[in-house]
Amino acid sequence: MLRPGEIEITRHAPMPGCSAEEAQKYTRWLATHHLRKFQCRILAAPKALRQHFYNVYAYCRWADDLGDEVPEAARALELLAWWEHELDACYEGKPSHPVFVALRQTIVAKDIPKQPLPIS
């Protein structure tokens, strides 16, 4: 589990166990404020798919930051193991982290198997 303020990306995240609507609002915010080039590409996607792109992007952005933004390698590995546990819970239908609450909607809607989702 992350410590408060351990990485920047946590600053705007809602609390664990938030509603799907809150979670999707966060993934949308993250995708549209964190990386401008990605935002332009998403706007080119069909409107019906945009939220799914936001959800997948947020998952990838978090995994990347857990691996790259935590200065201590052992702690980064610990956090990536925690992230993998959160992914398992998501696929079991029990997401709690806001990113996985949102991603669960995409996994179900698009029938995404667990195998192609990398941790780092």
Protein backbone atom coordinates (compact mmCIF):
# COMPACT_ATOMS: atom_id res chain seq x y z
CA MET A 1 0.00 0.00 0.00
CA LEU A 2 1.19 3.48 -0.81
CA ARG A 3 2.18 5.92 1.88
CA PRO A 4 0.46 9.33 1.73
CA GLY A 5 2.21 11.55 -0.82
CA GLU A 6 4.70 8.82 -1.79
CA ILE A 7 4.22 9.53 -5.48
CA GLU A 8 2.69 12.57 -7.19
CA ILE A 9 0.03 10.64 -9.08
CA THR A 10 -1.90 9.99 -5.85
CA ARG A 11 -2.68 13.66 -5.27
CA HIS A 12 -6.02 13.74 -7.13
CA ALA A 13 -7.05 10.11 -6.65
CA PRO A 14 -10.32 9.41 -4.86
CA MET A 15 -10.40 7.09 -1.86
CA PRO A 16 -10.34 3.30 -2.27
CA GLY A 17 -13.80 1.84 -2.69
CA CYS A 18 -15.11 4.95 -4.46
CA SER A 19 -17.97 4.74 -6.92
CA ALA A 20 -17.38 3.78 -10.55
CA GLU A 21 -18.40 7.31 -11.52
CA GLU A 22 -15.75 8.88 -9.24
CA ALA A 23 -13.14 6.39 -10.45
CA GLN A 24 -13.86 7.12 -14.10
CA LYS A 25 -13.77 10.86 -13.45
CA TYR A 26 -10.28 10.38 -11.98
CA THR A 27 -8.99 8.25 -14.89
CA ARG A 28 -10.39 10.83 -17.32
CA TRP A 29 -8.67 13.63 -15.40
CA LEU A 30 -5.39 11.71 -15.28
CA ALA A 31 -5.38 10.95 -19.00
CA THR A 32 -6.29 14.49 -20.01
CA HIS A 33 -3.96 16.33 -17.61
CA HIS A 34 -0.93 14.10 -17.27
CA LEU A 35 0.25 13.72 -20.85
CA ARG A 36 -0.81 16.14 -23.57
CA LYS A 37 0.19 13.96 -26.55
CA PHE A 38 -1.95 11.13 -25.23
CA GLN A 39 -4.90 13.51 -24.81
CA CYS A 40 -4.76 14.40 -28.53
CA ARG A 41 -4.77 10.74 -29.51
CA ILE A 42 -7.72 9.98 -27.28
CA LEU A 43 -9.74 12.79 -28.79
CA ALA A 44 -9.27 11.10 -32.17
CA ALA A 45 -10.81 7.89 -30.80
CA PRO A 46 -14.55 7.29 -31.14
CA LYS A 47 -16.35 8.93 -28.24
CA ALA A 48 -17.78 5.58 -27.09
CA LEU A 49 -14.26 4.24 -26.51
CA ARG A 50 -12.66 7.24 -24.81
CA GLN A 51 -13.47 6.27 -21.23
CA HIS A 52 -12.02 2.83 -21.87
CA PHE A 53 -8.80 4.45 -23.12
CA TYR A 54 -8.73 6.64 -19.99
CA ASN A 55 -9.09 3.58 -17.78
CA VAL A 56 -6.33 1.60 -19.48
CA TYR A 57 -4.05 4.64 -19.56
CA ALA A 58 -4.51 5.21 -15.83
CA TYR A 59 -3.58 1.58 -15.11
CA CYS A 60 -0.43 1.89 -17.23
CA ARG A 61 0.49 5.34 -15.86
CA TRP A 62 0.25 4.07 -12.28
CA ALA A 63 2.31 0.95 -13.03
CA ASP A 64 4.97 3.10 -14.70
CA ASP A 65 5.10 5.61 -11.85
CA LEU A 66 5.29 2.89 -9.21
CA GLY A 67 8.31 1.48 -11.00
CA ASP A 68 9.98 4.77 -11.97
CA GLU A 69 9.01 7.45 -9.45
CA VAL A 70 9.81 5.59 -6.24
CA PRO A 71 13.52 6.21 -5.57
CA GLU A 72 14.21 3.05 -3.57
CA ALA A 73 14.26 -0.06 -5.81
CA ALA A 74 13.10 -2.45 -3.09
CA ARG A 75 10.14 -0.20 -2.29
CA ALA A 76 9.27 0.09 -5.99
CA LEU A 77 9.21 -3.71 -6.29
CA GLU A 78 7.03 -3.93 -3.18
CA LEU A 79 4.59 -1.44 -4.70
CA LEU A 80 4.51 -3.27 -8.04
CA ALA A 81 3.66 -6.49 -6.16
CA TRP A 82 0.85 -4.59 -4.42
CA TRP A 83 -0.35 -3.33 -7.84
CA GLU A 84 -0.41 -6.90 -9.14
CA HIS A 85 -2.50 -7.92 -6.11
CA GLU A 86 -4.91 -5.08 -6.94
CA LEU A 87 -5.13 -6.36 -10.53
CA ASP A 88 -5.94 -9.84 -9.23
CA ALA A 89 -8.72 -8.38 -7.05
CA CYS A 90 -10.05 -6.49 -10.07
CA TYR A 91 -10.28 -9.67 -12.14
CA GLU A 92 -11.98 -11.40 -9.20
CA GLY A 93 -14.65 -8.69 -9.32
CA LYS A 94 -13.46 -7.02 -6.08
CA PRO A 95 -11.63 -3.85 -7.14
CA SER A 96 -10.99 -1.26 -4.46
CA HIS A 97 -8.33 1.08 -5.84
CA PRO A 98 -9.98 3.81 -7.96
CA VAL A 99 -8.01 2.88 -11.08
CA PHE A 100 -9.19 -0.71 -10.83
CA VAL A 101 -12.78 0.32 -10.08
CA ALA A 102 -12.71 2.16 -13.42
CA LEU A 103 -10.68 -0.50 -15.24
CA ARG A 104 -13.13 -3.20 -14.15
CA GLN A 105 -15.78 -1.51 -16.31
CA THR A 106 -13.48 -1.76 -19.34
CA ILE A 107 -12.40 -5.34 -18.62
CA VAL A 108 -16.02 -6.48 -18.46
CA ALA A 109 -17.28 -4.38 -21.38
CA LYS A 110 -14.46 -5.37 -23.72
CA ASP A 111 -13.82 -8.89 -22.38
CA ILE A 112 -10.12 -8.24 -21.77
CA PRO A 113 -8.22 -11.29 -20.55
CA LYS A 114 -5.75 -10.79 -17.71
CA GLN A 115 -2.74 -12.12 -19.60
CA PRO A 116 -2.03 -9.08 -21.81
CA LEU A 117 -2.00 -6.60 -18.92
CA PRO A 118 1.63 -6.10 -17.91
CA ILE A 119 2.63 -4.95 -14.44
CA SER A 120 5.69 -2.93 -15.45
